[in-house]
């Protein structure tokens, strides 16, 4: 691409700089408007500065990526409601053999859940589990939080739905879901093991220290969400002693009234039985049928809760039935959620359109729930969708300046993936850009150019170039605390957790992230299959 006029280049760089600063540092003092608003501001400046036309701006928004992202988020919401992450959390503490076994479990479970339910979702849900388990076993949370965040990033690299940048790569490259997984899964599995070994070697002594005082056991259960759907079993009214007395009086009264010998003795007996309560005793001279009818009405009025009590007695055996019915409804609903999710993954493997498949699965879950979907849909991160829209426009405008093409033209001769040195240089460029400009903008800026350069060698190299971009841009997020949204989520969730709070600092993360990122990326590059 030829460089744009100087004025457009300067204005385009200014708009992209605004987007970059607010995306990386969303709370800068001079404009603390956040990432989403910063993304829209960058997009607006690109149009306002006439770097890109309004029609080009709208055309740059990739609806397939947005649809896939929306669908997977809705599915994740329903999986969370179906206690999927609760069961994963229980696996962390089930028959644990100690702190080192616990750390390895966190690495494995975090990686697997991130591969299918996105790394951000896994980190949001599992952080509190990790903090509670660490406290329950009286262990320092630092190595476990690092294990959660780093393994989530590594695991998410294995599938197109594991993270946002992989969604972009899957849509742009048109690599089938199954081929994508087969190309990276071996690198992911070895990377998880290597990452766990690095964690164990760095924190072996810390994990081996046992404190004298043990914390009381903490039940590892998620907080109940009032918006989550729960079936309420029927409850039975309690039978009070006064209800029993009223029923006895009523039955005695009606039995006397139905007796053919309605005489003074019967009236006297009835009056004595009713006189023990708070009802006024009937006069002695009331003996006719009309008076007896009034007396019966007073007796009935004496027991206002009689209908409810009789219904409770008649329904005495239904409580267990209703409770079992409610439990079976929950079980069947969960099975339906898991079945639809598995069907979505199978459809991905069959090569169906991933965006429409994810949306179809999301709507199937909405219908299965058979209630107002608003509470669940409100849990979708619409700010992330808006952020992507602004980012698409901003990156497209920056591409129109010609700067990314000029930079790649300079780097291309040294970054060919048909020899080891070229792969190494390409990986370094991706790592640096992913930590400076974030991984999704890096993929949008480099993806098409890297693939086009590799396509001149062979179609297999083009596919491998996309997979290398997916692997390196994702694992590069482990380098620093700011390198990945998953890292920031774990840090923020840990800091704000009630009673289990822990502050994961930038430097404590960097000490582990730097060696882990370099080693895991290097080993993974040798295992990626094009």
Foldseek 3Di string as FASTA:
>chain_A
DDFDPPQLLVQLVVLLVQLQCCCLPCCDPVDNPHNLVSLQSSLVSLCVSVLDDPVRLVVLQDVLLLLLQLLLLLLLLVCVLLCVVVVLLVVLPPPAPFDLSSLLSLLVSLLQCLLQNANQSSLLRCLVSLLQVCQQQVADSQLSLLSNLLSLLLSNLQFLSNYSQSVVLCVVVVDFGVLSNVQFVVLSVVLSVVLSVLSCVVCVVRRPDDDPDGDHHDDRGDDDDPPRDADDFDDFDDDDPVLVLLVVLLVLLVVQVPDPPQDQVSLVVNQVSVVVDPDDRDDSPPRDPVSSVVVNVVSVVVNPCNVSVVVRVVCVPCRVVRVVVRVVLSVVLSVVSVVLSVVLVVCSNVSPSSSVSSVVSSVVNVVSVVDDCVVSSVPRPVSVSSSSSSLSSSLVSVVSSVVLVVVCVVLVVQQAPPDDRNVVVVLVVLLVCCLSRNLNSSCVSCVVVQLVSLVVVPNQSSVLSSSLSSNSSSSSLQQWCSNDPSSVSSQVCQCPDPPSHDHDDGVNSNVSSNVSSVVSSVSSSVRRGD
